[in-house]
Amino acid sequence: MSAGNQTGARRVGRPTVLGLPLGAEELFVIAGPCVVEGRAMIFDLAGRLREITDRLGIRLLFKASYRKDNRSAVDSYTGPGDDEALAILAAAKAELGLAVLTDVHCRAEVREAASVADCLQIPAFLCRQTRLLQAAALAAPAVNVKNGQFMAPDDMQRVVDKIRAARPEAEVWMTERGASFGYHNLVVDMRSFPVLRTVRAASEVAAPPTVVYDVTHSLQHPGVGGDRRYARPLARAAIAAGADGLFLETHPDPARALSDATTQLPLAGVADFLEEMLEWKRLQARYIDRDDPVGIE
């Protein structure tokens, strides 16, 4: 399967977000800090994101890693401790009425994380781990799989097949976060989005996988930093190319963030950013399923 022979195919059915179909003009957003830094920070950030998304009519899934396991240095911050971090996320979910996403790194983590999270996320480096994928599918209502930096977009079909072999009705999201381009660099191939939209449901009782663009991790220069100046143009392009939703990390003061300080978006700018992206999503809805007058072979 190649990008060239897939872009003309149309998606069958509507993708879903926690069981509810996503309208063509709707934007959904996975947003929050990279990692839990403390209760006050989580509640403040989650509350502000809910205010913004409620006003704009955007579906929000609040995200935060309870344990940041994939850090480049041995002394990097990884969280306040598993029990404390999960308790903070559980409290924010209950008190603010939010759906929550967090990531897991091995099967031993799945059960406890799923007791809090509405969606379990599989990190990019682990996206081919069959038993982890299937354990997450059996434990949580939805699974978000980051497309590995080493994988072609059509390889995600096998990921969906693995998940739905374990639970045919499992809700699957696929998140594009860039591909390795030499050392310390990533590129986002916009051909990925039309290809991901053609990944089959792999089950007669499931919706097609939901396609997400990871705004902030794709800005990374892995191991050395990142550059958030490209967040807007890349997000615009991803929506135009077919993304259903956005994943973004945000922080009240990115320079003081304990993880991914160079790529998290400043909270003060998120409302304007999302307002613009919602307009792009509405424009996408007008054209995404039209017949292609120039791509016919």
Protein backbone atom coordinates (compact mmCIF):
# COMPACT_ATOMS: atom_id res chain seq x y z
CA MET A 1 0.00 0.00 0.00
CA SER A 2 1.45 3.39 -0.93
CA ALA A 3 0.40 6.98 -0.49
CA GLY A 4 0.03 7.32 -4.22
CA ASN A 5 -2.69 4.74 -4.69
CA GLN A 6 -4.68 5.46 -1.55
CA THR A 7 -5.45 9.16 -1.58
CA GLY A 8 -8.46 8.82 -3.84
CA ALA A 9 -10.23 6.31 -1.61
CA ARG A 10 -13.06 7.56 0.58
CA ARG A 11 -13.61 6.76 4.20
CA VAL A 12 -16.65 4.62 4.94
CA GLY A 13 -18.65 5.85 7.93
CA ARG A 14 -17.96 8.55 10.50
CA PRO A 15 -15.18 8.39 13.10
CA THR A 16 -16.17 8.51 16.74
CA VAL A 17 -14.93 10.15 19.93
CA LEU A 18 -15.87 8.13 23.01
CA GLY A 19 -18.80 6.53 21.26
CA LEU A 20 -20.26 9.67 19.67
CA PRO A 21 -19.88 10.26 15.92
CA LEU A 22 -17.75 13.25 15.01
CA GLY A 23 -19.51 15.66 12.69
CA ALA A 24 -17.75 16.82 9.54
CA GLU A 25 -17.40 20.39 10.86
CA GLU A 26 -16.58 19.37 14.42
CA LEU A 27 -13.10 19.61 15.83
CA PHE A 28 -11.99 17.56 18.79
CA VAL A 29 -8.89 18.28 20.78
CA ILE A 30 -6.69 16.24 23.09
CA ALA A 31 -5.01 18.90 25.21
CA GLY A 32 -3.17 19.32 28.47
CA PRO A 33 0.34 19.41 29.91
CA CYS A 34 3.05 16.96 29.00
CA VAL A 35 3.12 15.47 32.50
CA VAL A 36 1.37 15.93 35.84
CA GLU A 37 3.37 18.56 37.76
CA GLY A 38 0.97 18.97 40.69
CA ARG A 39 -2.69 19.27 41.65
CA ALA A 40 -3.02 23.06 41.43
CA MET A 41 -1.44 23.19 37.99
CA ILE A 42 -3.64 20.39 36.64
CA PHE A 43 -6.87 21.90 37.98
CA ASP A 44 -6.02 25.39 36.72
CA LEU A 45 -5.02 24.17 33.28
CA ALA A 46 -7.93 21.76 32.91
CA GLY A 47 -10.40 24.41 34.00
CA ARG A 48 -9.09 26.93 31.49
CA LEU A 49 -9.13 24.39 28.67
CA ARG A 50 -12.69 23.45 29.47
CA GLU A 51 -13.75 27.12 29.42
CA ILE A 52 -12.08 27.63 26.03
CA THR A 53 -13.43 24.52 24.37
CA ASP A 54 -16.95 24.95 25.79
CA ARG A 55 -17.07 28.47 24.37
CA LEU A 56 -15.85 27.32 20.96
CA GLY A 57 -17.98 24.18 20.83
CA ILE A 58 -14.94 21.91 20.59
CA ARG A 59 -14.86 18.46 22.16
CA LEU A 60 -12.08 18.21 24.73
CA LEU A 61 -10.19 15.24 26.04
CA PHE A 62 -7.85 16.36 28.81
CA LYS A 63 -4.42 14.72 28.66
CA ALA A 64 -1.46 14.42 30.97
CA SER A 65 1.09 11.69 31.47
CA TYR A 66 0.93 10.34 35.00
CA ARG A 67 4.41 8.93 34.45
CA LYS A 68 6.73 10.26 31.75
CA ASP A 69 8.71 7.14 31.00
CA ASN A 70 10.41 8.14 27.75
CA ARG A 71 12.79 10.90 28.85
CA SER A 72 16.13 11.49 27.21
CA ALA A 73 18.12 11.87 30.46
CA VAL A 74 18.20 9.67 33.55
CA ASP A 75 17.61 12.64 35.88
CA SER A 76 14.70 14.15 33.92
CA TYR A 77 11.40 14.72 35.73
CA THR A 78 8.95 11.84 35.24
CA GLY A 79 6.04 12.81 37.52
CA PRO A 80 5.11 13.11 41.20
CA GLY A 81 4.66 9.34 41.60
CA ASP A 82 2.12 7.03 40.00
CA ASP A 83 -0.46 6.94 42.80
CA GLU A 84 -0.42 10.70 43.36
CA ALA A 85 -0.56 11.53 39.67
CA LEU A 86 -3.46 9.18 38.95
CA ALA A 87 -5.33 10.51 41.99
CA ILE A 88 -4.92 14.07 40.67
CA LEU A 89 -6.24 13.08 37.25
CA ALA A 90 -9.15 11.21 38.83
CA ALA A 91 -10.06 14.25 40.91
CA ALA A 92 -9.90 16.60 37.92
CA LYS A 93 -12.07 14.23 35.92
CA ALA A 94 -14.69 14.02 38.66
CA GLU A 95 -14.75 17.65 39.76
CA LEU A 96 -14.48 19.29 36.34
CA GLY A 97 -16.49 16.75 34.36
CA LEU A 98 -13.71 15.97 31.91
CA ALA A 99 -12.82 12.93 29.86
CA VAL A 100 -9.18 12.00 30.46
CA LEU A 101 -6.35 10.47 28.42
CA THR A 102 -3.05 9.18 29.75
CA ASP A 103 -0.38 6.89 28.35
CA VAL A 104 0.82 3.45 29.33
CA HIS A 105 4.13 1.77 28.63
CA CYS A 106 3.62 -1.88 29.56
CA ARG A 107 0.76 -4.26 30.32
CA ALA A 108 1.36 -3.99 34.06
CA GLU A 109 0.29 -0.33 33.94
CA VAL A 110 -2.91 -0.80 31.97
CA ARG A 111 -5.40 -1.81 34.63
CA GLU A 112 -4.60 0.99 37.07
CA ALA A 113 -4.44 3.68 34.37
CA ALA A 114 -7.71 2.48 32.85
CA SER A 115 -9.45 2.91 36.21
CA VAL A 116 -9.01 6.66 35.64
CA ALA A 117 -8.62 7.23 31.90
CA ASP A 118 -11.35 7.20 29.25
CA CYS A 119 -8.67 6.69 26.61
CA LEU A 120 -5.32 4.95 26.96
CA GLN A 121 -2.51 6.17 24.76
CA ILE A 122 0.22 3.97 23.31
CA PRO A 123 3.46 5.91 22.79
CA ALA A 124 5.00 5.99 19.32
CA PHE A 125 7.98 3.80 20.21
CA LEU A 126 5.59 1.09 21.44
CA CYS A 127 2.98 1.21 18.68
CA ARG A 128 3.75 -2.30 17.39
CA GLN A 129 3.64 -4.04 20.79
CA THR A 130 0.78 -6.46 20.17
CA ARG A 131 0.02 -7.50 23.75
CA LEU A 132 0.15 -3.91 25.00
CA LEU A 133 -2.21 -2.75 22.26
CA GLN A 134 -4.65 -5.54 23.00
CA ALA A 135 -4.50 -5.10 26.78
CA ALA A 136 -5.34 -1.41 26.36
CA ALA A 137 -8.22 -2.24 24.02
CA LEU A 138 -9.71 -4.65 26.56
CA ALA A 139 -9.36 -2.20 29.44
CA ALA A 140 -10.41 1.23 28.13
CA PRO A 141 -13.26 2.65 26.04
CA ALA A 142 -10.79 4.06 23.49
CA VAL A 143 -7.15 3.62 22.49
CA ASN A 144 -5.02 6.36 20.93
CA VAL A 145 -1.96 5.01 19.14
CA LYS A 146 0.88 7.32 18.18
CA ASN A 147 2.21 6.41 14.74
CA GLY A 148 5.88 5.52 15.24
CA GLN A 149 8.54 7.80 13.78
CA PHE A 150 9.80 4.73 11.92
CA MET A 151 6.49 3.64 10.37
CA ALA A 152 4.69 4.42 7.13
CA PRO A 153 1.10 5.61 7.63
CA ASP A 154 -0.40 2.55 5.95
CA ASP A 155 1.40 0.36 8.52
CA MET A 156 -1.25 1.56 10.98
CA GLN A 157 -3.69 -0.87 9.37
CA ARG A 158 -1.89 -3.70 11.15
CA VAL A 159 -2.15 -1.78 14.44
CA VAL A 160 -5.92 -1.44 14.02
CA ASP A 161 -6.16 -5.11 13.07
CA LYS A 162 -4.35 -6.11 16.28
CA ILE A 163 -6.58 -4.01 18.49
CA ARG A 164 -9.84 -5.15 16.93
CA ALA A 165 -8.76 -8.76 16.96
CA ALA A 166 -8.89 -8.42 20.74
CA ARG A 167 -12.10 -6.33 20.86
CA PRO A 168 -13.91 -5.85 17.54
CA GLU A 169 -15.87 -2.81 18.72
CA ALA A 170 -12.84 -1.02 20.20
CA GLU A 171 -12.60 2.68 19.40
CA VAL A 172 -9.23 3.44 17.82
CA TRP A 173 -7.54 6.76 17.20
CA MET A 174 -4.37 7.08 15.14
CA THR A 175 -2.08 10.03 15.81
CA GLU A 176 0.48 11.27 13.30
CA ARG A 177 3.49 12.85 15.01
CA GLY A 178 6.14 13.07 12.31
CA ALA A 179 8.79 10.76 10.91
CA SER A 180 12.50 10.69 11.69
CA PHE A 181 14.48 12.71 9.18
CA GLY A 182 18.12 12.19 9.95
CA TYR A 183 19.39 12.94 13.43
CA HIS A 184 17.52 15.27 15.81
CA ASN A 185 14.79 16.11 13.32
CA LEU A 186 11.26 15.14 12.34
CA VAL A 187 9.16 15.92 9.29
CA VAL A 188 5.40 15.63 8.91
CA ASP A 189 4.49 14.14 5.54
CA MET A 190 1.05 15.58 4.80
CA ARG A 191 0.34 12.62 2.53
CA SER A 192 -0.04 10.64 5.76
CA PHE A 193 -3.47 12.09 6.50
CA PRO A 194 -5.34 10.96 3.37
CA VAL A 195 -3.64 7.57 3.74
CA LEU A 196 -4.68 7.27 7.39
CA ARG A 197 -8.26 8.15 6.44
CA THR A 198 -8.32 5.00 4.27
CA VAL A 199 -7.31 2.63 7.11
CA ARG A 200 -10.15 0.15 7.34
CA ALA A 201 -12.27 -0.40 10.42
CA ALA A 202 -11.23 -4.10 10.41
CA SER A 203 -14.56 -4.92 12.03
CA GLU A 204 -18.19 -4.79 10.96
CA VAL A 205 -19.24 -3.41 14.35
CA ALA A 206 -16.72 -0.57 14.64
CA ALA A 207 -16.38 2.95 13.26
CA PRO A 208 -13.42 3.87 11.06
CA PRO A 209 -10.36 4.92 13.05
CA THR A 210 -10.20 8.58 14.05
CA VAL A 211 -7.24 10.53 12.63
CA VAL A 212 -5.37 12.96 14.89
CA TYR A 213 -2.45 15.31 14.33
CA ASP A 214 0.04 15.74 17.18
CA VAL A 215 0.84 19.44 16.96
CA THR A 216 3.53 19.61 19.61
CA HIS A 217 5.56 16.39 19.45
CA SER A 218 6.02 16.89 15.72
CA LEU A 219 7.83 20.14 16.57
CA GLN A 220 10.54 18.28 18.45
CA HIS A 221 14.18 18.07 17.56
CA PRO A 222 14.45 14.74 19.40
CA GLY A 223 17.01 14.76 22.15
CA VAL A 224 17.90 18.44 21.79
CA GLY A 225 14.71 20.55 21.92
CA GLY A 226 12.13 21.80 19.46
CA ASP A 227 10.57 24.81 17.73
CA ARG A 228 6.98 25.83 18.44
CA ARG A 229 7.02 28.52 15.72
CA TYR A 230 5.75 25.91 13.28
CA ALA A 231 2.70 24.85 15.29
CA ARG A 232 0.20 26.98 13.37
CA PRO A 233 1.26 26.24 9.78
CA LEU A 234 1.61 22.52 10.42
CA ALA A 235 -1.75 22.30 12.21
CA ARG A 236 -3.46 24.18 9.38
CA ALA A 237 -1.91 21.86 6.82
CA ALA A 238 -2.83 18.72 8.77
CA ILE A 239 -6.48 19.73 9.00
CA ALA A 240 -6.56 20.65 5.33
CA ALA A 241 -5.06 17.24 4.52
CA GLY A 242 -7.68 15.35 6.54
CA ALA A 243 -7.04 15.29 10.29
CA ASP A 244 -10.20 14.86 12.39
CA GLY A 245 -8.69 16.30 15.55
CA LEU A 246 -5.60 17.76 17.19
CA PHE A 247 -3.34 16.64 20.01
CA LEU A 248 -1.47 19.44 21.72
CA GLU A 249 0.44 19.99 24.91
CA THR A 250 0.08 23.31 26.66
CA HIS A 251 1.47 24.92 29.79
CA PRO A 252 0.86 28.20 31.64
CA ASP A 253 4.59 28.98 31.39
CA PRO A 254 6.34 26.68 28.90
CA ALA A 255 9.80 27.97 29.79
CA ARG A 256 9.29 26.58 33.31
CA ALA A 257 7.70 23.30 32.21
CA LEU A 258 9.32 20.20 33.66
CA SER A 259 9.12 18.39 30.31
CA ASP A 260 9.04 19.44 26.64
CA ALA A 261 9.57 23.11 27.48
CA THR A 262 10.45 24.04 23.89
CA THR A 263 7.34 22.59 22.25
CA GLN A 264 4.44 23.00 24.68
CA LEU A 265 2.14 25.83 23.58
CA PRO A 266 1.60 28.77 25.95
CA LEU A 267 -1.85 28.51 27.50
CA ALA A 268 -2.46 32.22 26.90
CA GLY A 269 -2.50 31.61 23.14
CA VAL A 270 -4.54 28.42 23.00
CA ALA A 271 -7.97 30.05 22.63
CA ASP A 272 -6.95 32.03 19.54
CA PHE A 273 -5.10 29.02 18.15
CA LEU A 274 -8.13 26.73 18.48
CA GLU A 275 -10.52 29.34 17.15
CA GLU A 276 -8.43 29.50 13.98
CA MET A 277 -8.19 25.71 13.71
CA LEU A 278 -11.96 25.38 14.05
CA GLU A 279 -12.33 27.61 10.99
CA TRP A 280 -9.94 25.38 9.08
CA LYS A 281 -11.97 22.32 10.12
CA ARG A 282 -15.15 23.90 8.79
CA LEU A 283 -13.38 24.64 5.53
CA GLN A 284 -12.14 21.04 5.40
CA ALA A 285 -15.73 19.81 5.69
CA ARG A 286 -16.69 21.67 2.51
CA TYR A 287 -14.07 19.97 0.36
CA ILE A 288 -12.66 16.79 1.91
CA ASP A 289 -15.12 14.36 0.28
CA ARG A 290 -15.46 16.03 -3.08
CA ASP A 291 -14.35 14.15 -6.16
CA ASP A 292 -10.69 14.84 -6.91
CA PRO A 293 -10.46 16.56 -10.31
CA VAL A 294 -6.65 16.34 -10.56
CA GLY A 295 -5.54 13.17 -8.79
CA ILE A 296 -7.17 10.70 -11.16
CA GLU A 297 -4.70 8.16 -12.51
